[in-house]
Amino acid sequence: MASQSAASKRQQELQLQYSNYKSTLQQLAQKIGDIEQETEEHKLVLETLAPLPKDRTCFRLINGVLVERTVGDVVPALETTSEGLKKVLEGLVKDYKKKQEEMETWKAKNNVQVVR
């Protein structure tokens, strides 16, 4: 009887750890998707502003406030932000792969097989 409860407890612990890994991977994937979408939006805006004269008026939404600027002011800021987003994206992808490898190692170590 004691060995059954120990095995049951072990199984519950493994299920909890597996759920934690899956949850973490899902959160990272969601963040990656959000950043990819934002990067695409920045790219589209930069492509739209590229042919325009630098002194043309444009509007930029900053923290919910619409501000009037010139294309010459906005483009460098957007390029900087876009580069920052790309670096963050690279870091998140590395984190995702690392966590995925960690999960696979854990599954192999604990002889975990996913039943669907």
PDB file of N, CA and C in Angstrom:
ATOM      1  N   MET A   1       0.819  -1.190   0.000  1.00  0.00           N
ATOM      2  CA  MET A   1       0.000   0.000   0.000  1.00  0.00           C
ATOM      3  C   MET A   1       0.868   1.261   0.000  1.00  0.00           C
ATOM      4  N   ALA A   2       1.947   1.230   0.765  1.00  0.00           N
ATOM      5  CA  ALA A   2       2.826   2.393   0.849  1.00  0.00           C
ATOM      6  C   ALA A   2       3.529   2.636  -0.480  1.00  0.00           C
ATOM      7  N   SER A   3       3.871   1.542  -1.177  1.00  0.00           N
ATOM      8  CA  SER A   3       4.560   1.710  -2.459  1.00  0.00           C
ATOM      9  C   SER A   3       3.619   2.284  -3.512  1.00  0.00           C
ATOM     10  N   GLN A   4       2.319   1.956  -3.407  1.00  0.00           N
ATOM     11  CA  GLN A   4       1.349   2.521  -4.344  1.00  0.00           C
ATOM     12  C   GLN A   4       1.196   4.019  -4.131  1.00  0.00           C
ATOM     13  N   SER A   5       1.115   4.442  -2.876  1.00  0.00           N
ATOM     14  CA  SER A   5       0.955   5.877  -2.612  1.00  0.00           C
ATOM     15  C   SER A   5       2.221   6.641  -2.996  1.00  0.00           C
ATOM     16  N   ALA A   6       3.381   6.028  -2.804  1.00  0.00           N
ATOM     17  CA  ALA A   6       4.638   6.673  -3.198  1.00  0.00           C
ATOM     18  C   ALA A   6       4.704   6.797  -4.723  1.00  0.00           C
ATOM     19  N   ALA A   7       4.304   5.747  -5.418  1.00  0.00           N
ATOM     20  CA  ALA A   7       4.296   5.786  -6.886  1.00  0.00           C
ATOM     21  C   ALA A   7       3.279   6.808  -7.387  1.00  0.00           C
ATOM     22  N   SER A   8       2.137   6.870  -6.743  1.00  0.00           N
ATOM     23  CA  SER A   8       1.108   7.836  -7.119  1.00  0.00           C
ATOM     24  C   SER A   8       1.588   9.263  -6.891  1.00  0.00           C
ATOM     25  N   LYS A   9       2.257   9.462  -5.746  1.00  0.00           N
ATOM     26  CA  LYS A   9       2.786  10.800  -5.440  1.00  0.00           C
ATOM     27  C   LYS A   9       3.864  11.181  -6.455  1.00  0.00           C
ATOM     28  N   ARG A  10       4.716  10.227  -6.807  1.00  0.00           N
ATOM     29  CA  ARG A  10       5.774  10.469  -7.788  1.00  0.00           C
ATOM     30  C   ARG A  10       5.155  10.833  -9.139  1.00  0.00           C
ATOM     31  N   GLN A  11       4.103  10.111  -9.517  1.00  0.00           N
ATOM     32  CA  GLN A  11       3.437  10.384 -10.780  1.00  0.00           C
ATOM     33  C   GLN A  11       2.827  11.787 -10.779  1.00  0.00           C
ATOM     34  N   GLN A  12       2.229  12.183  -9.670  1.00  0.00           N
ATOM     35  CA  GLN A  12       1.649  13.525  -9.563  1.00  0.00           C
ATOM     36  C   GLN A  12       2.722  14.600  -9.669  1.00  0.00           C
ATOM     37  N   GLU A  13       3.870  14.355  -9.029  1.00  0.00           N
ATOM     38  CA  GLU A  13       4.983  15.310  -9.107  1.00  0.00           C
ATOM     39  C   GLU A  13       5.471  15.456 -10.549  1.00  0.00           C
ATOM     40  N   LEU A  14       5.602  14.323 -11.230  1.00  0.00           N
ATOM     41  CA  LEU A  14       6.043  14.356 -12.628  1.00  0.00           C
ATOM     42  C   LEU A  14       5.033  15.079 -13.503  1.00  0.00           C
ATOM     43  N   GLN A  15       3.750  14.841 -13.271  1.00  0.00           N
ATOM     44  CA  GLN A  15       2.718  15.528 -14.043  1.00  0.00           C
ATOM     45  C   GLN A  15       2.758  17.025 -13.791  1.00  0.00           C
ATOM     46  N   LEU A  16       2.993  17.406 -12.544  1.00  0.00           N
ATOM     47  CA  LEU A  16       3.076  18.829 -12.209  1.00  0.00           C
ATOM     48  C   LEU A  16       4.282  19.473 -12.893  1.00  0.00           C
ATOM     49  N   GLN A  17       5.422  18.795 -12.848  1.00  0.00           N
ATOM     50  CA  GLN A  17       6.612  19.335 -13.512  1.00  0.00           C
ATOM     51  C   GLN A  17       6.393  19.440 -15.013  1.00  0.00           C
ATOM     52  N   TYR A  18       5.772  18.427 -15.600  1.00  0.00           N
ATOM     53  CA  TYR A  18       5.487  18.451 -17.039  1.00  0.00           C
ATOM     54  C   TYR A  18       4.568  19.621 -17.374  1.00  0.00           C
ATOM     55  N   SER A  19       3.542  19.813 -16.571  1.00  0.00           N
ATOM     56  CA  SER A  19       2.616  20.934 -16.784  1.00  0.00           C
ATOM     57  C   SER A  19       3.336  22.268 -16.684  1.00  0.00           C
ATOM     58  N   ASN A  20       4.261  22.376 -15.740  1.00  0.00           N
ATOM     59  CA  ASN A  20       5.032  23.617 -15.590  1.00  0.00           C
ATOM     60  C   ASN A  20       5.888  23.883 -16.823  1.00  0.00           C
ATOM     61  N   TYR A  21       6.544  22.837 -17.338  1.00  0.00           N
ATOM     62  CA  TYR A  21       7.344  22.989 -18.552  1.00  0.00           C
ATOM     63  C   TYR A  21       6.468  23.439 -19.727  1.00  0.00           C
ATOM     64  N   LYS A  22       5.342  22.761 -19.904  1.00  0.00           N
ATOM     65  CA  LYS A  22       4.444  23.098 -21.011  1.00  0.00           C
ATOM     66  C   LYS A  22       3.931  24.529 -20.889  1.00  0.00           C
ATOM     67  N   SER A  23       3.586  24.929 -19.679  1.00  0.00           N
ATOM     68  CA  SER A  23       3.081  26.288 -19.441  1.00  0.00           C
ATOM     69  C   SER A  23       4.147  27.330 -19.766  1.00  0.00           C
ATOM     70  N   THR A  24       5.364  27.078 -19.308  1.00  0.00           N
ATOM     71  CA  THR A  24       6.468  28.003 -19.576  1.00  0.00           C
ATOM     72  C   THR A  24       6.721  28.123 -21.071  1.00  0.00           C
ATOM     73  N   LEU A  25       6.732  26.984 -21.778  1.00  0.00           N
ATOM     74  CA  LEU A  25       6.943  27.010 -23.221  1.00  0.00           C
ATOM     75  C   LEU A  25       5.819  27.753 -23.939  1.00  0.00           C
ATOM     76  N   GLN A  26       4.603  27.564 -23.468  1.00  0.00           N
ATOM     77  CA  GLN A  26       3.459  28.244 -24.073  1.00  0.00           C
ATOM     78  C   GLN A  26       3.559  29.763 -23.861  1.00  0.00           C
ATOM     79  N   GLN A  27       3.961  30.186 -22.672  1.00  0.00           N
ATOM     80  CA  GLN A  27       4.119  31.615 -22.399  1.00  0.00           C
ATOM     81  C   GLN A  27       5.214  32.219 -23.272  1.00  0.00           C
ATOM     82  N   LEU A  28       6.331  31.508 -23.403  1.00  0.00           N
ATOM     83  CA  LEU A  28       7.422  32.001 -24.258  1.00  0.00           C
ATOM     84  C   LEU A  28       6.963  32.093 -25.709  1.00  0.00           C
ATOM     85  N   ALA A  29       6.226  31.094 -26.171  1.00  0.00           N
ATOM     86  CA  ALA A  29       5.736  31.118 -27.551  1.00  0.00           C
ATOM     87  C   ALA A  29       4.791  32.303 -27.764  1.00  0.00           C
ATOM     88  N   GLN A  30       3.966  32.606 -26.781  1.00  0.00           N
ATOM     89  CA  GLN A  30       3.046  33.747 -26.870  1.00  0.00           C
ATOM     90  C   GLN A  30       3.825  35.059 -26.959  1.00  0.00           C
ATOM     91  N   LYS A  31       4.847  35.203 -26.120  1.00  0.00           N
ATOM     92  CA  LYS A  31       5.677  36.414 -26.152  1.00  0.00           C
ATOM     93  C   LYS A  31       6.386  36.551 -27.491  1.00  0.00           C
ATOM     94  N   ILE A  32       6.900  35.429 -28.003  1.00  0.00           N
ATOM     95  CA  ILE A  32       7.583  35.448 -29.304  1.00  0.00           C
ATOM     96  C   ILE A  32       6.612  35.903 -30.390  1.00  0.00           C
ATOM     97  N   GLY A  33       5.405  35.390 -30.367  1.00  0.00           N
ATOM     98  CA  GLY A  33       4.398  35.786 -31.350  1.00  0.00           C
ATOM     99  C   GLY A  33       4.064  37.266 -31.266  1.00  0.00           C
ATOM    100  N   ASP A  34       3.929  37.778 -30.041  1.00  0.00           N
ATOM    101  CA  ASP A  34       3.625  39.199 -29.855  1.00  0.00           C
ATOM    102  C   ASP A  34       4.748  40.076 -30.406  1.00  0.00           C
ATOM    103  N   ILE A  35       5.979  39.714 -30.098  1.00  0.00           N
ATOM    104  CA  ILE A  35       7.126  40.522 -30.543  1.00  0.00           C
ATOM    105  C   ILE A  35       7.277  40.434 -32.069  1.00  0.00           C
ATOM    106  N   GLU A  36       7.043  39.246 -32.637  1.00  0.00           N
ATOM    107  CA  GLU A  36       7.110  39.121 -34.099  1.00  0.00           C
ATOM    108  C   GLU A  36       6.078  40.022 -34.765  1.00  0.00           C
ATOM    109  N   GLN A  37       4.881  40.076 -34.196  1.00  0.00           N
ATOM    110  CA  GLN A  37       3.823  40.928 -34.753  1.00  0.00           C
ATOM    111  C   GLN A  37       4.222  42.398 -34.655  1.00  0.00           C
ATOM    112  N   GLU A  38       4.753  42.791 -33.530  1.00  0.00           N
ATOM    113  CA  GLU A  38       5.167  44.179 -33.357  1.00  0.00           C
ATOM    114  C   GLU A  38       6.319  44.532 -34.299  1.00  0.00           C
ATOM    115  N   THR A  39       7.237  43.604 -34.503  1.00  0.00           N
ATOM    116  CA  THR A  39       8.348  43.822 -35.430  1.00  0.00           C
ATOM    117  C   THR A  39       7.829  44.022 -36.852  1.00  0.00           C
ATOM    118  N   GLU A  40       6.853  43.209 -37.244  1.00  0.00           N
ATOM    119  CA  GLU A  40       6.260  43.354 -38.574  1.00  0.00           C
ATOM    120  C   GLU A  40       5.571  44.706 -38.735  1.00  0.00           C
ATOM    121  N   GLU A  41       4.891  45.170 -37.685  1.00  0.00           N
ATOM    122  CA  GLU A  41       4.238  46.475 -37.738  1.00  0.00           C
ATOM    123  C   GLU A  41       5.269  47.585 -37.916  1.00  0.00           C
ATOM    124  N   HIS A  42       6.379  47.496 -37.181  1.00  0.00           N
ATOM    125  CA  HIS A  42       7.439  48.502 -37.325  1.00  0.00           C
ATOM    126  C   HIS A  42       8.005  48.483 -38.746  1.00  0.00           C
ATOM    127  N   LYS A  43       8.217  47.286 -39.278  1.00  0.00           N
ATOM    128  CA  LYS A  43       8.758  47.147 -40.631  1.00  0.00           C
ATOM    129  C   LYS A  43       7.818  47.792 -41.651  1.00  0.00           C
ATOM    130  N   LEU A  44       6.531  47.547 -41.514  1.00  0.00           N
ATOM    131  CA  LEU A  44       5.541  48.103 -42.431  1.00  0.00           C
ATOM    132  C   LEU A  44       5.528  49.636 -42.370  1.00  0.00           C
ATOM    133  N   VAL A  45       5.583  50.183 -41.158  1.00  0.00           N
ATOM    134  CA  VAL A  45       5.588  51.649 -41.005  1.00  0.00           C
ATOM    135  C   VAL A  45       6.860  52.236 -41.606  1.00  0.00           C
ATOM    136  N   LEU A  46       8.007  51.599 -41.359  1.00  0.00           N
ATOM    137  CA  LEU A  46       9.262  52.105 -41.919  1.00  0.00           C
ATOM    138  C   LEU A  46       9.245  52.061 -43.447  1.00  0.00           C
ATOM    139  N   GLU A  47       8.681  51.007 -44.024  1.00  0.00           N
ATOM    140  CA  GLU A  47       8.575  50.923 -45.482  1.00  0.00           C
ATOM    141  C   GLU A  47       7.658  52.013 -46.028  1.00  0.00           C
ATOM    142  N   THR A  48       6.618  52.333 -45.275  1.00  0.00           N
ATOM    143  CA  THR A  48       5.669  53.366 -45.702  1.00  0.00           C
ATOM    144  C   THR A  48       6.307  54.754 -45.628  1.00  0.00           C
ATOM    145  N   LEU A  49       7.107  54.991 -44.589  1.00  0.00           N
ATOM    146  CA  LEU A  49       7.709  56.317 -44.398  1.00  0.00           C
ATOM    147  C   LEU A  49       8.959  56.543 -45.251  1.00  0.00           C
ATOM    148  N   ALA A  50       9.591  55.490 -45.721  1.00  0.00           N
ATOM    149  CA  ALA A  50      10.869  55.606 -46.448  1.00  0.00           C
ATOM    150  C   ALA A  50      10.815  56.560 -47.640  1.00  0.00           C
ATOM    151  N   PRO A  51       9.808  56.497 -48.513  1.00  0.00           N
ATOM    152  CA  PRO A  51       9.834  57.376 -49.688  1.00  0.00           C
ATOM    153  C   PRO A  51       9.387  58.816 -49.390  1.00  0.00           C
ATOM    154  N   LEU A  52       8.917  59.088 -48.196  1.00  0.00           N
ATOM    155  CA  LEU A  52       8.388  60.424 -47.888  1.00  0.00           C
ATOM    156  C   LEU A  52       9.504  61.408 -47.566  1.00  0.00           C
ATOM    157  N   PRO A  53       9.270  62.703 -47.839  1.00  0.00           N
ATOM    158  CA  PRO A  53      10.274  63.716 -47.488  1.00  0.00           C
ATOM    159  C   PRO A  53      10.447  63.807 -45.970  1.00  0.00           C
ATOM    160  N   LYS A  54      11.675  64.099 -45.540  1.00  0.00           N
ATOM    161  CA  LYS A  54      12.000  64.118 -44.104  1.00  0.00           C
ATOM    162  C   LYS A  54      11.266  65.201 -43.327  1.00  0.00           C
ATOM    163  N   ASP A  55      10.841  66.273 -44.004  1.00  0.00           N
ATOM    164  CA  ASP A  55      10.170  67.367 -43.295  1.00  0.00           C
ATOM    165  C   ASP A  55       8.647  67.226 -43.279  1.00  0.00           C
ATOM    166  N   ARG A  56       8.133  66.136 -43.816  1.00  0.00           N
ATOM    167  CA  ARG A  56       6.690  65.927 -43.827  1.00  0.00           C
ATOM    168  C   ARG A  56       6.195  65.594 -42.416  1.00  0.00           C
ATOM    169  N   THR A  57       5.035  66.140 -42.097  1.00  0.00           N
ATOM    170  CA  THR A  57       4.438  65.890 -40.781  1.00  0.00           C
ATOM    171  C   THR A  57       3.850  64.482 -40.735  1.00  0.00           C
ATOM    172  N   CYS A  58       4.071  63.827 -39.590  1.00  0.00           N
ATOM    173  CA  CYS A  58       3.436  62.532 -39.359  1.00  0.00           C
ATOM    174  C   CYS A  58       3.036  62.465 -37.889  1.00  0.00           C
ATOM    175  N   PHE A  59       2.296  61.458 -37.545  1.00  0.00           N
ATOM    176  CA  PHE A  59       1.827  61.315 -36.170  1.00  0.00           C
ATOM    177  C   PHE A  59       2.305  59.984 -35.620  1.00  0.00           C
ATOM    178  N   ARG A  60       2.638  59.992 -34.341  1.00  0.00           N
ATOM    179  CA  ARG A  60       3.133  58.781 -33.695  1.00  0.00           C
ATOM    180  C   ARG A  60       2.402  58.607 -32.374  1.00  0.00           C
ATOM    181  N   LEU A  61       1.986  57.388 -32.097  1.00  0.00           N
ATOM    182  CA  LEU A  61       1.297  57.074 -30.854  1.00  0.00           C
ATOM    183  C   LEU A  61       2.335  56.642 -29.826  1.00  0.00           C
ATOM    184  N   ILE A  62       2.470  57.430 -28.761  1.00  0.00           N
ATOM    185  CA  ILE A  62       3.435  57.133 -27.707  1.00  0.00           C
ATOM    186  C   ILE A  62       2.673  57.034 -26.389  1.00  0.00           C
ATOM    187  N   ASN A  63       2.640  55.828 -25.827  1.00  0.00           N
ATOM    188  CA  ASN A  63       1.930  55.580 -24.562  1.00  0.00           C
ATOM    189  C   ASN A  63       0.500  56.094 -24.591  1.00  0.00           C
ATOM    190  N   GLY A  64      -0.179  55.861 -25.699  1.00  0.00           N
ATOM    191  CA  GLY A  64      -1.580  56.250 -25.802  1.00  0.00           C
ATOM    192  C   GLY A  64      -1.807  57.709 -26.160  1.00  0.00           C
ATOM    193  N   VAL A  65      -0.740  58.456 -26.389  1.00  0.00           N
ATOM    194  CA  VAL A  65      -0.856  59.874 -26.750  1.00  0.00           C
ATOM    195  C   VAL A  65      -0.367  60.049 -28.184  1.00  0.00           C
ATOM    196  N   LEU A  66      -1.196  60.664 -29.015  1.00  0.00           N
ATOM    197  CA  LEU A  66      -0.837  60.908 -30.403  1.00  0.00           C
ATOM    198  C   LEU A  66      -0.040  62.205 -30.475  1.00  0.00           C
ATOM    199  N   VAL A  67       1.204  62.115 -30.943  1.00  0.00           N
ATOM    200  CA  VAL A  67       2.069  63.299 -31.011  1.00  0.00           C
ATOM    201  C   VAL A  67       2.418  63.590 -32.465  1.00  0.00           C
ATOM    202  N   GLU A  68       2.553  64.866 -32.765  1.00  0.00           N
ATOM    203  CA  GLU A  68       2.886  65.304 -34.117  1.00  0.00           C
ATOM    204  C   GLU A  68       4.395  65.474 -34.218  1.00  0.00           C
ATOM    205  N   ARG A  69       4.989  64.819 -35.218  1.00  0.00           N
ATOM    206  CA  ARG A  69       6.425  64.884 -35.449  1.00  0.00           C
ATOM    207  C   ARG A  69       6.661  64.971 -36.948  1.00  0.00           C
ATOM    208  N   THR A  70       7.926  65.010 -37.318  1.00  0.00           N
ATOM    209  CA  THR A  70       8.261  64.936 -38.740  1.00  0.00           C
ATOM    210  C   THR A  70       8.786  63.529 -39.028  1.00  0.00           C
ATOM    211  N   VAL A  71       8.762  63.164 -40.289  1.00  0.00           N
ATOM    212  CA  VAL A  71       9.260  61.852 -40.701  1.00  0.00           C
ATOM    213  C   VAL A  71      10.723  61.700 -40.289  1.00  0.00           C
ATOM    214  N   GLY A  72      11.489  62.779 -40.411  1.00  0.00           N
ATOM    215  CA  GLY A  72      12.899  62.759 -40.039  1.00  0.00           C
ATOM    216  C   GLY A  72      13.118  62.469 -38.568  1.00  0.00           C
ATOM    217  N   ASP A  73      12.175  62.872 -37.700  1.00  0.00           N
ATOM    218  CA  ASP A  73      12.283  62.594 -36.265  1.00  0.00           C
ATOM    219  C   ASP A  73      11.847  61.166 -35.927  1.00  0.00           C
ATOM    220  N   VAL A  74      10.836  60.696 -36.633  1.00  0.00           N
ATOM    221  CA  VAL A  74      10.213  59.419 -36.288  1.00  0.00           C
ATOM    222  C   VAL A  74      11.006  58.219 -36.798  1.00  0.00           C
ATOM    223  N   VAL A  75      11.538  58.297 -38.006  1.00  0.00           N
ATOM    224  CA  VAL A  75      12.211  57.141 -38.615  1.00  0.00           C
ATOM    225  C   VAL A  75      13.385  56.634 -37.766  1.00  0.00           C
ATOM    226  N   PRO A  76      14.304  57.476 -37.293  1.00  0.00           N
ATOM    227  CA  PRO A  76      15.404  56.940 -36.473  1.00  0.00           C
ATOM    228  C   PRO A  76      14.914  56.267 -35.187  1.00  0.00           C
ATOM    229  N   ALA A  77      13.886  56.839 -34.567  1.00  0.00           N
ATOM    230  CA  ALA A  77      13.342  56.239 -33.348  1.00  0.00           C
ATOM    231  C   ALA A  77      12.724  54.872 -33.647  1.00  0.00           C
ATOM    232  N   LEU A  78      12.011  54.785 -34.765  1.00  0.00           N
ATOM    233  CA  LEU A  78      11.407  53.505 -35.147  1.00  0.00           C
ATOM    234  C   LEU A  78      12.472  52.464 -35.481  1.00  0.00           C
ATOM    235  N   GLU A  79      13.541  52.891 -36.139  1.00  0.00           N
ATOM    236  CA  GLU A  79      14.619  51.953 -36.474  1.00  0.00           C
ATOM    237  C   GLU A  79      15.288  51.420 -35.209  1.00  0.00           C
ATOM    238  N   THR A  80      15.510  52.306 -34.245  1.00  0.00           N
ATOM    239  CA  THR A  80      16.109  51.893 -32.977  1.00  0.00           C
ATOM    240  C   THR A  80      15.201  50.908 -32.249  1.00  0.00           C
ATOM    241  N   THR A  81      13.928  51.227 -32.202  1.00  0.00           N
ATOM    242  CA  THR A  81      12.969  50.346 -31.547  1.00  0.00           C
ATOM    243  C   THR A  81      12.896  49.001 -32.256  1.00  0.00           C
ATOM    244  N   SER A  82      12.904  49.023 -33.568  1.00  0.00           N
ATOM    245  CA  SER A  82      12.841  47.797 -34.351  1.00  0.00           C
ATOM    246  C   SER A  82      14.054  46.904 -34.082  1.00  0.00           C
ATOM    247  N   GLU A  83      15.232  47.509 -34.025  1.00  0.00           N
ATOM    248  CA  GLU A  83      16.444  46.739 -33.720  1.00  0.00           C
ATOM    249  C   GLU A  83      16.374  46.137 -32.325  1.00  0.00           C
ATOM    250  N   GLY A  84      15.867  46.911 -31.372  1.00  0.00           N
ATOM    251  CA  GLY A  84      15.700  46.407 -30.009  1.00  0.00           C
ATOM    252  C   GLY A  84      14.746  45.225 -29.960  1.00  0.00           C
ATOM    253  N   LEU A  85      13.658  45.313 -30.716  1.00  0.00           N
ATOM    254  CA  LEU A  85      12.690  44.216 -30.761  1.00  0.00           C
ATOM    255  C   LEU A  85      13.322  42.953 -31.347  1.00  0.00           C
ATOM    256  N   LYS A  86      14.163  43.135 -32.360  1.00  0.00           N
ATOM    257  CA  LYS A  86      14.823  41.974 -32.975  1.00  0.00           C
ATOM    258  C   LYS A  86      15.752  41.293 -31.978  1.00  0.00           C
ATOM    259  N   LYS A  87      16.466  42.086 -31.175  1.00  0.00           N
ATOM    260  CA  LYS A  87      17.368  41.512 -30.167  1.00  0.00           C
ATOM    261  C   LYS A  87      16.575  40.770 -29.096  1.00  0.00           C
ATOM    262  N   VAL A  88      15.463  41.364 -28.669  1.00  0.00           N
ATOM    263  CA  VAL A  88      14.610  40.715 -27.670  1.00  0.00           C
ATOM    264  C   VAL A  88      14.053  39.410 -28.238  1.00  0.00           C
ATOM    265  N   LEU A  89      13.656  39.445 -29.495  1.00  0.00           N
ATOM    266  CA  LEU A  89      13.113  38.256 -30.146  1.00  0.00           C
ATOM    267  C   LEU A  89      14.159  37.135 -30.195  1.00  0.00           C
ATOM    268  N   GLU A  90      15.389  37.490 -30.560  1.00  0.00           N
ATOM    269  CA  GLU A  90      16.460  36.493 -30.594  1.00  0.00           C
ATOM    270  C   GLU A  90      16.665  35.867 -29.220  1.00  0.00           C
ATOM    271  N   GLY A  91      16.645  36.700 -28.191  1.00  0.00           N
ATOM    272  CA  GLY A  91      16.808  36.202 -26.823  1.00  0.00           C
ATOM    273  C   GLY A  91      15.681  35.270 -26.414  1.00  0.00           C
ATOM    274  N   LEU A  92      14.449  35.628 -26.765  1.00  0.00           N
ATOM    275  CA  LEU A  92      13.306  34.782 -26.425  1.00  0.00           C
ATOM    276  C   LEU A  92      13.358  33.443 -27.162  1.00  0.00           C
ATOM    277  N   VAL A  93      13.781  33.475 -28.423  1.00  0.00           N
ATOM    278  CA  VAL A  93      13.887  32.230 -29.193  1.00  0.00           C
ATOM    279  C   VAL A  93      14.952  31.324 -28.557  1.00  0.00           C
ATOM    280  N   LYS A  94      16.072  31.911 -28.125  1.00  0.00           N
ATOM    281  CA  LYS A  94      17.123  31.131 -27.456  1.00  0.00           C
ATOM    282  C   LYS A  94      16.568  30.531 -26.158  1.00  0.00           C
ATOM    283  N   ASP A  95      15.840  31.348 -25.385  1.00  0.00           N
ATOM    284  CA  ASP A  95      15.238  30.862 -24.140  1.00  0.00           C
ATOM    285  C   ASP A  95      14.276  29.714 -24.408  1.00  0.00           C
ATOM    286  N   TYR A  96      13.483  29.847 -25.462  1.00  0.00           N
ATOM    287  CA  TYR A  96      12.505  28.813 -25.809  1.00  0.00           C
ATOM    288  C   TYR A  96      13.214  27.506 -26.145  1.00  0.00           C
ATOM    289  N   LYS A  97      14.236  27.597 -26.993  1.00  0.00           N
ATOM    290  CA  LYS A  97      14.968  26.395 -27.383  1.00  0.00           C
ATOM    291  C   LYS A  97      15.659  25.753 -26.176  1.00  0.00           C
ATOM    292  N   LYS A  98      16.226  26.592 -25.319  1.00  0.00           N
ATOM    293  CA  LYS A  98      16.904  26.089 -24.121  1.00  0.00           C
ATOM    294  C   LYS A  98      15.906  25.366 -23.218  1.00  0.00           C
ATOM    295  N   LYS A  99      14.747  25.961 -23.010  1.00  0.00           N
ATOM    296  CA  LYS A  99      13.727  25.362 -22.147  1.00  0.00           C
ATOM    297  C   LYS A  99      13.196  24.074 -22.768  1.00  0.00           C
ATOM    298  N   GLN A 100      13.068  24.064 -24.092  1.00  0.00           N
ATOM    299  CA  GLN A 100      12.587  22.866 -24.781  1.00  0.00           C
ATOM    300  C   GLN A 100      13.609  21.724 -24.634  1.00  0.00           C
ATOM    301  N   GLU A 101      14.886  22.040 -24.782  1.00  0.00           N
ATOM    302  CA  GLU A 101      15.934  21.028 -24.605  1.00  0.00           C
ATOM    303  C   GLU A 101      15.949  20.537 -23.164  1.00  0.00           C
ATOM    304  N   GLU A 102      15.780  21.463 -22.228  1.00  0.00           N
ATOM    305  CA  GLU A 102      15.739  21.111 -20.814  1.00  0.00           C
ATOM    306  C   GLU A 102      14.580  20.145 -20.537  1.00  0.00           C
ATOM    307  N   MET A 103      13.441  20.415 -21.167  1.00  0.00           N
ATOM    308  CA  MET A 103      12.275  19.554 -20.982  1.00  0.00           C
ATOM    309  C   MET A 103      12.528  18.165 -21.576  1.00  0.00           C
ATOM    310  N   GLU A 104      13.130  18.113 -22.751  1.00  0.00           N
ATOM    311  CA  GLU A 104      13.425  16.826 -23.385  1.00  0.00           C
ATOM    312  C   GLU A 104      14.411  16.022 -22.537  1.00  0.00           C
ATOM    313  N   THR A 105      15.415  16.683 -21.982  1.00  0.00           N
ATOM    314  CA  THR A 105      16.377  16.022 -21.106  1.00  0.00           C
ATOM    315  C   THR A 105      15.675  15.485 -19.868  1.00  0.00           C
ATOM    316  N   TRP A 106      14.805  16.305 -19.300  1.00  0.00           N
ATOM    317  CA  TRP A 106      14.039  15.902 -18.111  1.00  0.00           C
ATOM    318  C   TRP A 106      13.159  14.693 -18.422  1.00  0.00           C
ATOM    319  N   LYS A 107      12.507  14.718 -19.597  1.00  0.00           N
ATOM    320  CA  LYS A 107      11.639  13.597 -19.993  1.00  0.00           C
ATOM    321  C   LYS A 107      12.458  12.311 -20.132  1.00  0.00           C
ATOM    322  N   ALA A 108      13.632  12.410 -20.738  1.00  0.00           N
ATOM    323  CA  ALA A 108      14.474  11.231 -20.922  1.00  0.00           C
ATOM    324  C   ALA A 108      15.000  10.724 -19.572  1.00  0.00           C
ATOM    325  N   LYS A 109      15.394  11.651 -18.719  1.00  0.00           N
ATOM    326  CA  LYS A 109      15.945  11.286 -17.403  1.00  0.00           C
ATOM    327  C   LYS A 109      14.901  10.568 -16.551  1.00  0.00           C
ATOM    328  N   ASN A 110      13.667  11.064 -16.592  1.00  0.00           N
ATOM    329  CA  ASN A 110      12.601  10.508 -15.760  1.00  0.00           C
ATOM    330  C   ASN A 110      11.748   9.473 -16.496  1.00  0.00           C
ATOM    331  N   ASN A 111      12.164   9.122 -17.712  1.00  0.00           N
ATOM    332  CA  ASN A 111      11.444   8.138 -18.519  1.00  0.00           C
ATOM    333  C   ASN A 111       9.965   8.515 -18.670  1.00  0.00           C
ATOM    334  N   VAL A 112       9.732   9.774 -19.006  1.00  0.00           N
ATOM    335  CA  VAL A 112       8.361  10.277 -19.162  1.00  0.00           C
ATOM    336  C   VAL A 112       7.939  10.110 -20.610  1.00  0.00           C
ATOM    337  N   GLN A 113       6.765   9.534 -20.788  1.00  0.00           N
ATOM    338  CA  GLN A 113       6.195   9.396 -22.120  1.00  0.00           C
ATOM    339  C   GLN A 113       4.831  10.062 -22.097  1.00  0.00           C
ATOM    340  N   VAL A 114       4.589  10.928 -23.064  1.00  0.00           N
ATOM    341  CA  VAL A 114       3.353  11.673 -23.110  1.00  0.00           C
ATOM    342  C   VAL A 114       2.269  10.796 -23.749  1.00  0.00           C
ATOM    343  N   VAL A 115       1.155  10.681 -23.033  1.00  0.00           N
ATOM    344  CA  VAL A 115       0.011   9.911 -23.521  1.00  0.00           C
ATOM    345  C   VAL A 115      -1.081  10.906 -23.869  1.00  0.00           C
ATOM    346  N   ARG A 116      -1.568  10.821 -25.103  1.00  0.00           N
ATOM    347  CA  ARG A 116      -2.590  11.776 -25.526  1.00  0.00           C
ATOM    348  C   ARG A 116      -3.904  11.115 -25.753  1.00  0.00           C
TER     349      ARG A 116
END
